[in-house]
C-alpha cells in the first residue's frame, strides 16, 4: 500500500522556546508497522518537518501494531524517519 494523506491528523502544534513549531500527528494505516516506519513511506509533500512525531496505528491482515516515528530529514522526495525511542534508547 502507500501513504494516505486522509489518514494523517494533526494532534498538537506546540511552539518551542526557539520559536520553532513542533507537531505531533496520528496516522492510521492498513500497512504493516515495518512498512510505515521504513524509508520512503511519507512523502515530503506531507505537512511535516524534522523532529515532528507521527504516532501510527497499523492494522495489517487483522493484526494491530503501534509504532511511533520521528521525522529525521528528507531525501529523494520522501521524509526519512526513525523509530522513536525514549531518552535512554529503549
C-alpha atoms as a PDB file:
ATOM      1  CA  UNK A   1       0.000   0.000   0.000  1.00  0.00           C
ATOM      2  CA  UNK A   2       1.032   3.609   0.201  1.00  0.00           C
ATOM      3  CA  UNK A   3       0.747   6.729   2.316  1.00  0.00           C
ATOM      4  CA  UNK A   4      -2.824   8.059   2.546  1.00  0.00           C
ATOM      5  CA  UNK A   5      -2.944  11.780   3.411  1.00  0.00           C
ATOM      6  CA  UNK A   6      -6.574  11.422   4.585  1.00  0.00           C
ATOM      7  CA  UNK A   7      -5.379   9.123   7.386  1.00  0.00           C
ATOM      8  CA  UNK A   8      -2.960  11.709   8.808  1.00  0.00           C
ATOM      9  CA  UNK A   9      -4.295  14.002  11.544  1.00  0.00           C
ATOM     10  CA  UNK A  10      -2.520  16.812  13.371  1.00  0.00           C
ATOM     11  CA  UNK A  11      -2.857  16.189  17.112  1.00  0.00           C
ATOM     12  CA  UNK A  12      -0.764  19.028  18.533  1.00  0.00           C
ATOM     13  CA  UNK A  13       1.213  22.026  17.329  1.00  0.00           C
ATOM     14  CA  UNK A  14       3.455  23.413  20.046  1.00  0.00           C
ATOM     15  CA  UNK A  15       5.782  26.428  19.816  1.00  0.00           C
ATOM     16  CA  UNK A  16       9.217  25.807  21.282  1.00  0.00           C
ATOM     17  CA  UNK A  17      11.442  28.201  23.164  1.00  0.00           C
ATOM     18  CA  UNK A  18      13.478  28.688  19.966  1.00  0.00           C
ATOM     19  CA  UNK A  19      10.353  29.911  18.096  1.00  0.00           C
ATOM     20  CA  UNK A  20      10.023  26.735  16.056  1.00  0.00           C
ATOM     21  CA  UNK A  21       6.835  24.708  15.876  1.00  0.00           C
ATOM     22  CA  UNK A  22       6.876  21.064  16.906  1.00  0.00           C
ATOM     23  CA  UNK A  23       3.977  18.962  15.595  1.00  0.00           C
ATOM     24  CA  UNK A  24       2.545  15.638  16.652  1.00  0.00           C
ATOM     25  CA  UNK A  25       0.481  13.581  14.222  1.00  0.00           C
ATOM     26  CA  UNK A  26      -1.697  10.498  14.391  1.00  0.00           C
ATOM     27  CA  UNK A  27      -1.780   8.145  11.403  1.00  0.00           C
ATOM     28  CA  UNK A  28      -3.832   5.027  10.664  1.00  0.00           C
ATOM     29  CA  UNK A  29      -2.803   2.529   8.005  1.00  0.00           C
ATOM     30  CA  UNK A  30      -3.591  -0.962   6.705  1.00  0.00           C
ATOM     31  CA  UNK A  31       0.165  -1.315   6.062  1.00  0.00           C
ATOM     32  CA  UNK A  32       2.425  -3.270   8.403  1.00  0.00           C
ATOM     33  CA  UNK A  33       4.325  -1.251  11.027  1.00  0.00           C
ATOM     34  CA  UNK A  34       7.619  -2.252   9.393  1.00  0.00           C
ATOM     35  CA  UNK A  35       6.457  -0.668   6.117  1.00  0.00           C
ATOM     36  CA  UNK A  36       5.166   2.548   7.707  1.00  0.00           C
ATOM     37  CA  UNK A  37       8.330   3.037   9.757  1.00  0.00           C
ATOM     38  CA  UNK A  38      10.628   2.274   6.819  1.00  0.00           C
ATOM     39  CA  UNK A  39      12.364   4.615   4.430  1.00  0.00           C
ATOM     40  CA  UNK A  40      10.357   6.177   1.638  1.00  0.00           C
ATOM     41  CA  UNK A  41       6.878   5.909   3.142  1.00  0.00           C
ATOM     42  CA  UNK A  42       5.962   9.517   3.995  1.00  0.00           C
ATOM     43  CA  UNK A  43       6.264  11.896   1.004  1.00  0.00           C
ATOM     44  CA  UNK A  44       7.906  15.241   1.636  1.00  0.00           C
ATOM     45  CA  UNK A  45       4.692  16.913   0.452  1.00  0.00           C
ATOM     46  CA  UNK A  46       3.049  15.889   3.757  1.00  0.00           C
ATOM     47  CA  UNK A  47       2.751  18.752   6.306  1.00  0.00           C
ATOM     48  CA  UNK A  48       5.664  17.589   8.449  1.00  0.00           C
ATOM     49  CA  UNK A  49       9.108  18.846   9.378  1.00  0.00           C
ATOM     50  CA  UNK A  50      12.249  17.499  11.010  1.00  0.00           C
ATOM     51  CA  UNK A  51      11.663  16.422  14.648  1.00  0.00           C
ATOM     52  CA  UNK A  52       7.903  16.067  14.223  1.00  0.00           C
ATOM     53  CA  UNK A  53       6.473  12.833  15.621  1.00  0.00           C
ATOM     54  CA  UNK A  54       3.941  10.509  13.975  1.00  0.00           C
ATOM     55  CA  UNK A  55       2.063   8.012  16.134  1.00  0.00           C
ATOM     56  CA  UNK A  56       0.997   5.250  13.734  1.00  0.00           C
ATOM     57  CA  UNK A  57      -1.682   2.601  14.275  1.00  0.00           C
ATOM     58  CA  UNK A  58      -1.149  -0.123  11.711  1.00  0.00           C
ATOM     59  CA  UNK A  59      -3.734  -2.861  11.238  1.00  0.00           C
ATOM     60  CA  UNK A  60      -2.320  -5.307   8.692  1.00  0.00           C
ATOM     61  CA  UNK A  61      -4.123  -8.583   7.977  1.00  0.00           C
ATOM     62  CA  UNK A  62      -6.298  -8.018  11.056  1.00  0.00           C
ATOM     63  CA  UNK A  63      -3.343  -7.623  13.427  1.00  0.00           C
ATOM     64  CA  UNK A  64      -2.896  -4.217  15.063  1.00  0.00           C
ATOM     65  CA  UNK A  65       0.504  -2.755  15.830  1.00  0.00           C
ATOM     66  CA  UNK A  66       1.504   0.705  17.008  1.00  0.00           C
ATOM     67  CA  UNK A  67       4.744   2.464  16.165  1.00  0.00           C
ATOM     68  CA  UNK A  68       5.915   5.997  16.786  1.00  0.00           C
ATOM     69  CA  UNK A  69       8.313   7.539  14.279  1.00  0.00           C
ATOM     70  CA  UNK A  70      10.246  10.802  14.298  1.00  0.00           C
ATOM     71  CA  UNK A  71      10.975  12.755  11.112  1.00  0.00           C
ATOM     72  CA  UNK A  72      14.765  12.938  10.770  1.00  0.00           C
ATOM     73  CA  UNK A  73      15.234  14.507   7.336  1.00  0.00           C
ATOM     74  CA  UNK A  74      14.145  14.468   3.704  1.00  0.00           C
ATOM     75  CA  UNK A  75      15.681  12.744   0.706  1.00  0.00           C
ATOM     76  CA  UNK A  76      14.526  11.878  -2.789  1.00  0.00           C
ATOM     77  CA  UNK A  77      11.010  13.257  -2.370  1.00  0.00           C
ATOM     78  CA  UNK A  78      10.342  11.453   0.928  1.00  0.00           C
ATOM     79  CA  UNK A  79      10.858  12.158   4.610  1.00  0.00           C
ATOM     80  CA  UNK A  80      13.331   9.963   6.400  1.00  0.00           C
ATOM     81  CA  UNK A  81      12.112   8.654   9.734  1.00  0.00           C
ATOM     82  CA  UNK A  82      13.449   6.753  12.711  1.00  0.00           C
ATOM     83  CA  UNK A  83      11.515   4.676  15.184  1.00  0.00           C
ATOM     84  CA  UNK A  84      11.097   6.986  18.159  1.00  0.00           C
ATOM     85  CA  UNK A  85      12.528   5.674  21.421  1.00  0.00           C
ATOM     86  CA  UNK A  86      12.710   7.276  24.829  1.00  0.00           C
ATOM     87  CA  UNK A  87      15.701   9.279  26.092  1.00  0.00           C
ATOM     88  CA  UNK A  88      17.588   6.183  27.282  1.00  0.00           C
ATOM     89  CA  UNK A  89      17.298   4.463  23.907  1.00  0.00           C
ATOM     90  CA  UNK A  90      14.988   1.610  24.835  1.00  0.00           C
END
